[in-house]
N, C-alpha and C. Protein backbone atom coordinates (compact mmCIF):
# COMPACT_ATOMS: atom_id res chain seq x y z
N GLN A 1 91.15 95.08 114.42
CA GLN A 1 90.80 96.29 114.27
C GLN A 1 91.88 98.10 114.98
N VAL A 2 91.60 98.49 113.84
CA VAL A 2 92.57 99.89 113.98
C VAL A 2 92.02 101.19 113.54
N GLN A 3 91.93 101.82 114.98
CA GLN A 3 91.11 103.00 114.45
C GLN A 3 92.12 104.30 114.18
N LEU A 4 91.84 105.09 113.66
CA LEU A 4 92.60 106.18 112.89
C LEU A 4 91.94 107.30 113.13
N VAL A 5 93.07 108.88 113.73
CA VAL A 5 92.55 109.98 114.29
C VAL A 5 93.36 111.02 113.65
N GLU A 6 92.75 111.43 112.46
CA GLU A 6 93.91 112.98 111.98
C GLU A 6 93.76 113.54 112.48
N SER A 7 94.79 115.07 112.94
CA SER A 7 94.75 116.16 113.16
C SER A 7 95.74 116.59 112.91
N GLY A 8 95.62 118.10 112.78
CA GLY A 8 96.72 119.11 112.35
C GLY A 8 96.20 119.70 110.91
N GLY A 9 95.26 119.80 110.60
CA GLY A 9 94.47 120.67 108.95
C GLY A 9 94.71 121.69 109.88
N GLY A 10 94.13 122.33 108.54
CA GLY A 10 94.10 123.82 108.66
C GLY A 10 93.90 124.88 107.60
N LEU A 11 94.00 126.05 107.65
CA LEU A 11 94.13 127.44 106.30
C LEU A 11 95.59 127.80 106.72
N VAL A 12 96.18 127.86 105.70
CA VAL A 12 97.64 128.70 105.56
C VAL A 12 97.86 129.05 104.32
N GLN A 13 98.53 130.14 104.14
CA GLN A 13 99.07 130.64 103.41
C GLN A 13 99.48 129.96 102.06
N ALA A 14 99.91 130.06 100.74
CA ALA A 14 100.98 129.38 100.05
C ALA A 14 102.21 129.72 99.93
N GLY A 15 103.38 128.47 100.32
CA GLY A 15 104.75 128.24 100.98
C GLY A 15 104.68 128.13 102.12
N GLY A 16 103.50 128.22 102.89
CA GLY A 16 103.59 127.85 104.36
C GLY A 16 103.89 126.16 104.53
N SER A 17 103.70 125.41 105.87
CA SER A 17 104.12 124.22 106.31
C SER A 17 103.00 123.94 107.30
N LEU A 18 102.62 122.69 107.04
CA LEU A 18 101.98 121.93 107.83
C LEU A 18 102.51 120.53 108.40
N ARG A 19 101.74 120.15 109.65
CA ARG A 19 102.02 118.59 109.80
C ARG A 19 100.89 118.41 110.71
N LEU A 20 100.76 117.08 109.76
CA LEU A 20 99.44 116.09 110.20
C LEU A 20 99.77 115.02 110.86
N SER A 21 98.87 114.60 111.61
CA SER A 21 99.15 113.59 112.84
C SER A 21 98.25 112.82 112.55
N CYS A 22 98.37 111.17 112.72
CA CYS A 22 97.53 110.54 112.51
C CYS A 22 97.74 108.93 113.64
N ALA A 23 96.76 109.68 114.68
CA ALA A 23 97.13 108.27 115.66
C ALA A 23 95.99 107.52 115.88
N ALA A 24 96.80 105.93 116.06
CA ALA A 24 96.43 104.88 115.81
C ALA A 24 95.73 103.57 117.34
N SER A 25 95.16 103.25 117.49
CA SER A 25 94.65 102.92 118.34
C SER A 25 94.22 101.54 118.52
N GLY A 26 94.08 100.31 119.00
CA GLY A 26 93.91 99.34 118.59
C GLY A 26 94.12 97.57 117.96
N ARG A 27 95.37 98.00 117.81
CA ARG A 27 96.38 96.74 117.69
C ARG A 27 97.83 97.56 117.50
N THR A 28 98.51 96.32 117.03
CA THR A 28 100.20 96.67 117.11
C THR A 28 100.40 97.52 116.08
N PHE A 29 100.36 99.07 116.16
CA PHE A 29 100.57 99.86 115.22
C PHE A 29 101.80 99.55 114.02
N ASP A 30 102.94 98.53 114.50
CA ASP A 30 103.92 98.90 114.03
C ASP A 30 103.74 97.28 113.25
N SER A 31 102.80 96.57 113.18
CA SER A 31 102.04 95.55 112.16
C SER A 31 101.61 96.55 110.54
N TYR A 32 101.72 97.43 110.59
CA TYR A 32 101.17 98.18 110.00
C TYR A 32 102.01 99.07 108.79
N ALA A 33 101.43 99.01 107.81
CA ALA A 33 101.89 100.04 106.75
C ALA A 33 100.79 101.41 106.79
N MET A 34 101.52 102.30 106.58
CA MET A 34 100.72 103.28 106.40
C MET A 34 100.19 104.30 105.55
N GLY A 35 99.26 105.01 104.87
CA GLY A 35 99.27 105.81 103.88
C GLY A 35 98.45 106.78 103.92
N TRP A 36 98.85 108.14 103.11
CA TRP A 36 98.54 108.89 102.93
C TRP A 36 97.63 109.83 101.78
N PHE A 37 96.62 109.76 101.82
CA PHE A 37 95.54 110.07 100.48
C PHE A 37 94.89 111.33 101.14
N ARG A 38 94.57 111.96 99.50
CA ARG A 38 93.56 113.28 100.22
C ARG A 38 92.52 113.28 98.50
N GLN A 39 91.55 113.98 99.15
CA GLN A 39 90.07 114.41 97.84
C GLN A 39 90.10 115.88 98.08
N ASP A 40 89.40 115.71 97.01
CA ASP A 40 88.66 117.34 96.81
C ASP A 40 87.56 116.85 95.98
N PRO A 41 86.26 117.53 96.47
CA PRO A 41 84.84 117.08 96.35
C PRO A 41 84.75 117.03 94.78
N GLY A 42 83.97 115.85 94.29
CA GLY A 42 84.12 115.40 93.12
C GLY A 42 85.30 114.96 92.53
N LYS A 43 86.58 114.88 93.17
CA LYS A 43 87.83 114.47 92.10
C LYS A 43 87.66 112.90 92.78
N GLU A 44 88.33 112.32 92.35
CA GLU A 44 89.11 110.64 93.01
C GLU A 44 90.35 110.80 94.21
N ARG A 45 89.52 110.15 95.10
CA ARG A 45 90.52 109.91 96.14
C ARG A 45 92.41 109.59 95.59
N GLU A 46 92.97 111.03 95.82
CA GLU A 46 94.27 110.81 95.51
C GLU A 46 95.78 110.46 96.33
N PHE A 47 96.46 109.48 95.80
CA PHE A 47 97.39 108.92 96.49
C PHE A 47 98.41 110.14 96.69
N VAL A 48 98.58 110.21 98.22
CA VAL A 48 99.88 111.36 98.38
C VAL A 48 101.41 110.79 98.86
N ALA A 49 101.29 109.51 99.79
CA ALA A 49 102.78 108.83 100.35
C ALA A 49 102.09 107.70 101.31
N ALA A 50 103.39 106.73 101.38
CA ALA A 50 102.74 105.57 101.63
C ALA A 50 104.56 105.20 102.81
N ILE A 51 104.33 104.40 103.81
CA ILE A 51 105.53 104.17 104.66
C ILE A 51 105.35 102.89 104.94
N SER A 52 106.18 102.16 105.30
CA SER A 52 106.35 100.80 105.28
C SER A 52 105.92 100.55 106.93
N TRP A 53 106.26 99.55 107.53
CA TRP A 53 105.59 98.96 109.31
C TRP A 53 106.87 99.44 109.74
N SER A 54 107.89 99.10 109.48
CA SER A 54 109.20 99.79 110.49
C SER A 54 109.43 101.21 110.16
N GLY A 55 109.53 101.72 111.73
CA GLY A 55 110.63 103.35 112.00
C GLY A 55 111.14 103.48 110.69
N GLY A 56 111.87 103.34 110.60
CA GLY A 56 113.06 103.71 109.47
C GLY A 56 112.63 103.13 108.19
N GLY A 57 111.17 103.10 107.79
CA GLY A 57 110.60 102.32 106.55
C GLY A 57 110.66 103.00 105.43
N THR A 58 110.19 102.11 104.56
CA THR A 58 110.21 102.38 102.91
C THR A 58 109.29 103.32 102.94
N THR A 59 109.75 104.13 101.94
CA THR A 59 108.51 104.97 101.79
C THR A 59 108.51 105.53 100.29
N ASP A 60 107.40 106.02 99.48
CA ASP A 60 106.81 106.72 98.52
C ASP A 60 106.09 107.45 98.50
N TYR A 61 106.50 108.46 97.47
CA TYR A 61 105.46 109.69 97.23
C TYR A 61 105.16 110.03 95.93
N ALA A 62 103.67 110.72 96.04
CA ALA A 62 103.29 111.15 94.43
C ALA A 62 104.40 111.93 93.84
N ASP A 63 104.91 112.21 92.67
CA ASP A 63 105.43 113.33 91.97
C ASP A 63 104.93 114.68 92.21
N SER A 64 104.03 114.49 92.54
CA SER A 64 102.74 115.88 92.72
C SER A 64 103.59 116.49 94.03
N VAL A 65 103.91 115.65 95.32
CA VAL A 65 104.25 116.11 96.43
C VAL A 65 105.76 115.57 96.69
N LYS A 66 106.42 114.77 95.69
CA LYS A 66 107.84 114.59 96.19
C LYS A 66 109.09 115.71 96.25
N GLY A 67 109.46 115.75 97.50
CA GLY A 67 110.75 117.28 97.91
C GLY A 67 109.77 117.96 98.77
N ARG A 68 108.44 117.71 98.90
CA ARG A 68 107.90 119.06 99.54
C ARG A 68 106.85 118.12 100.70
N PHE A 69 107.05 116.95 100.84
CA PHE A 69 105.96 116.35 101.84
C PHE A 69 106.80 115.32 102.24
N THR A 70 106.78 115.43 103.40
CA THR A 70 107.54 113.94 104.18
C THR A 70 106.47 113.18 104.99
N ILE A 71 106.81 111.75 104.97
CA ILE A 71 106.17 110.72 105.64
C ILE A 71 106.63 110.26 106.84
N SER A 72 106.25 110.14 107.86
CA SER A 72 106.90 109.23 108.87
C SER A 72 106.37 108.72 110.26
N ARG A 73 106.57 107.75 110.82
CA ARG A 73 106.20 107.43 111.62
C ARG A 73 106.91 107.65 113.16
N ASP A 74 106.55 107.42 114.00
CA ASP A 74 106.66 106.84 115.52
C ASP A 74 105.79 105.65 116.41
N ASN A 75 106.33 104.40 116.05
CA ASN A 75 105.82 103.24 116.44
C ASN A 75 105.50 103.07 118.01
N ALA A 76 106.28 103.70 118.86
CA ALA A 76 106.50 103.88 120.32
C ALA A 76 105.01 105.03 120.86
N LYS A 77 104.81 105.64 119.69
CA LYS A 77 103.25 106.33 119.56
C LYS A 77 102.40 106.33 119.10
N SER A 78 102.48 105.11 118.44
CA SER A 78 101.56 104.82 117.71
C SER A 78 100.91 105.35 117.10
N THR A 79 101.85 106.80 116.35
CA THR A 79 101.29 107.52 115.35
C THR A 79 102.14 108.30 113.85
N GLY A 80 101.15 108.20 113.40
CA GLY A 80 101.99 108.50 111.79
C GLY A 80 101.71 110.42 111.59
N TYR A 81 102.80 110.59 110.96
CA TYR A 81 103.17 112.30 110.11
C TYR A 81 103.03 112.67 109.03
N LEU A 82 102.48 113.72 108.33
CA LEU A 82 102.73 114.01 107.55
C LEU A 82 103.18 115.21 107.55
N GLN A 83 104.33 115.64 107.18
CA GLN A 83 105.14 116.90 107.09
C GLN A 83 104.69 117.72 105.57
N MET A 84 104.23 118.78 105.95
CA MET A 84 104.36 119.51 104.26
C MET A 84 104.95 120.85 104.05
N TYR A 85 105.67 120.75 103.72
CA TYR A 85 106.58 122.30 103.30
C TYR A 85 105.78 122.75 101.82
N SER A 86 106.11 124.31 101.57
CA SER A 86 106.20 124.40 99.87
C SER A 86 104.73 124.32 99.82
N LEU A 87 103.65 124.62 100.47
CA LEU A 87 102.01 124.26 100.27
C LEU A 87 101.95 125.07 99.01
N LYS A 88 101.21 124.35 98.54
CA LYS A 88 100.12 125.19 97.04
C LYS A 88 98.79 125.25 97.00
N PRO A 89 98.20 126.11 96.41
CA PRO A 89 96.43 126.00 96.33
C PRO A 89 96.31 124.75 96.01
N GLU A 90 96.81 123.98 95.56
CA GLU A 90 96.59 122.50 94.34
C GLU A 90 96.20 121.67 95.31
N ASP A 91 97.29 121.57 96.93
CA ASP A 91 97.06 121.05 97.88
C ASP A 91 95.77 120.48 98.59
N THR A 92 95.13 121.86 98.04
CA THR A 92 93.84 122.25 99.26
C THR A 92 93.09 120.65 99.25
N ALA A 93 92.58 119.80 99.88
CA ALA A 93 92.03 118.47 100.33
C ALA A 93 91.44 118.28 101.13
N VAL A 94 90.70 117.45 101.78
CA VAL A 94 90.65 116.60 102.52
C VAL A 94 91.46 115.64 102.85
N TYR A 95 92.80 115.07 103.58
CA TYR A 95 93.83 114.83 103.50
C TYR A 95 93.45 113.27 104.77
N TYR A 96 93.27 112.26 104.51
CA TYR A 96 92.98 110.98 105.16
C TYR A 96 94.48 109.85 105.47
N CYS A 97 94.64 109.32 106.77
CA CYS A 97 95.28 108.09 106.85
C CYS A 97 94.89 106.76 106.75
N ALA A 98 95.72 106.36 106.24
CA ALA A 98 95.07 105.02 105.95
C ALA A 98 96.21 103.65 106.33
N ALA A 99 95.34 102.66 106.90
CA ALA A 99 96.68 101.57 107.42
C ALA A 99 96.00 100.38 107.08
N VAL A 100 97.14 99.49 106.69
CA VAL A 100 96.63 97.61 106.33
C VAL A 100 97.82 96.95 107.32
N LYS A 101 97.29 95.99 107.18
CA LYS A 101 98.33 95.03 108.18
C LYS A 101 98.97 94.26 106.84
N ALA A 102 100.04 94.98 106.42
CA ALA A 102 101.59 94.17 105.74
C ALA A 102 102.14 95.25 105.90
N ARG A 103 103.45 94.78 105.08
CA ARG A 103 105.33 95.28 105.77
C ARG A 103 104.88 96.53 104.70
N TYR A 104 104.62 97.02 103.14
CA TYR A 104 104.69 98.21 102.35
C TYR A 104 103.37 98.53 101.90
N GLY A 105 103.18 100.10 101.95
CA GLY A 105 101.94 100.23 101.77
C GLY A 105 102.13 99.98 99.92
N ASP A 106 100.92 100.93 99.68
CA ASP A 106 100.57 100.88 98.31
C ASP A 106 99.77 102.11 97.52
N ARG A 107 99.85 102.49 96.31
CA ARG A 107 99.66 103.55 95.72
C ARG A 107 97.67 103.52 95.84
N SER A 108 97.36 102.27 95.53
CA SER A 108 95.59 102.13 95.40
C SER A 108 94.88 102.37 96.96
N TRP A 109 94.61 102.78 96.49
CA TRP A 109 93.44 103.23 97.90
C TRP A 109 92.69 102.02 98.68
N ASN A 110 92.03 101.23 97.54
CA ASN A 110 91.59 100.06 98.38
C ASN A 110 92.38 98.81 98.55
N PHE A 111 93.65 98.95 98.45
CA PHE A 111 94.95 98.44 99.61
C PHE A 111 94.57 98.25 100.96
N TYR A 112 94.37 99.66 100.95
CA TYR A 112 94.08 99.65 102.68
C TYR A 112 92.60 99.68 103.29
N ASN A 113 92.54 99.17 104.54
CA ASN A 113 91.44 98.75 105.30
C ASN A 113 90.76 99.54 106.43
N TYR A 114 91.67 100.22 106.64
CA TYR A 114 91.12 101.22 107.79
C TYR A 114 91.68 102.56 107.36
N TRP A 115 90.47 103.32 108.02
CA TRP A 115 90.96 104.88 107.55
C TRP A 115 90.27 105.56 108.74
N GLY A 116 90.84 107.30 108.64
CA GLY A 116 90.56 107.97 109.60
C GLY A 116 89.51 109.18 109.17
N GLN A 117 88.74 109.70 109.48
CA GLN A 117 87.80 110.72 109.12
C GLN A 117 88.23 111.71 108.35
N GLY A 118 89.48 111.77 108.09
CA GLY A 118 89.76 112.95 107.21
C GLY A 118 90.27 114.58 108.38
N THR A 119 90.97 115.21 107.81
CA THR A 119 91.43 116.21 108.01
C THR A 119 91.64 117.74 107.43
N GLN A 120 90.88 118.82 106.86
CA GLN A 120 91.16 119.53 105.49
C GLN A 120 92.04 120.59 105.33
N VAL A 121 92.43 120.68 104.99
CA VAL A 121 93.92 121.12 104.78
C VAL A 121 93.30 122.55 103.29
N THR A 122 93.41 123.45 103.56
CA THR A 122 93.20 124.65 102.67
C THR A 122 94.49 125.91 102.59
N VAL A 123 95.07 125.97 101.48
CA VAL A 123 96.29 126.72 101.42
C VAL A 123 95.34 127.63 99.99
N SER A 124 95.78 128.90 100.35
CA SER A 124 95.23 130.52 100.33
C SER A 124 96.48 130.86 99.30
N SER A 125 95.61 131.38 98.58
CA SER A 125 97.28 132.16 97.31
C SER A 125 97.38 133.20 97.66
């Protein structure tokens, strides 16, 4: 069992930046690939980024965030990160981190079996 807790969300103006954190506990974090997803009310959960289980791991990004967001992890701290730059109003959503016991992540939300509670990101225009 893995428990995930996100933090770092908030209100930011367009063009600003935020860093989300995902603290993991319960199992060996470096055995788990991680992903970040986001969801607006009434919309489907949307893939944002994924990273493989090693610290300098393989990463993948949605086209909408490529070049603006960076996913990373520190396995010694059992924590994953999503650094977000050049934020846009359309980035507004609840952001979730997810984990799965696999080498690589995936763009499908149902690939992951552990989820955090979510953190709200609001970008004002």
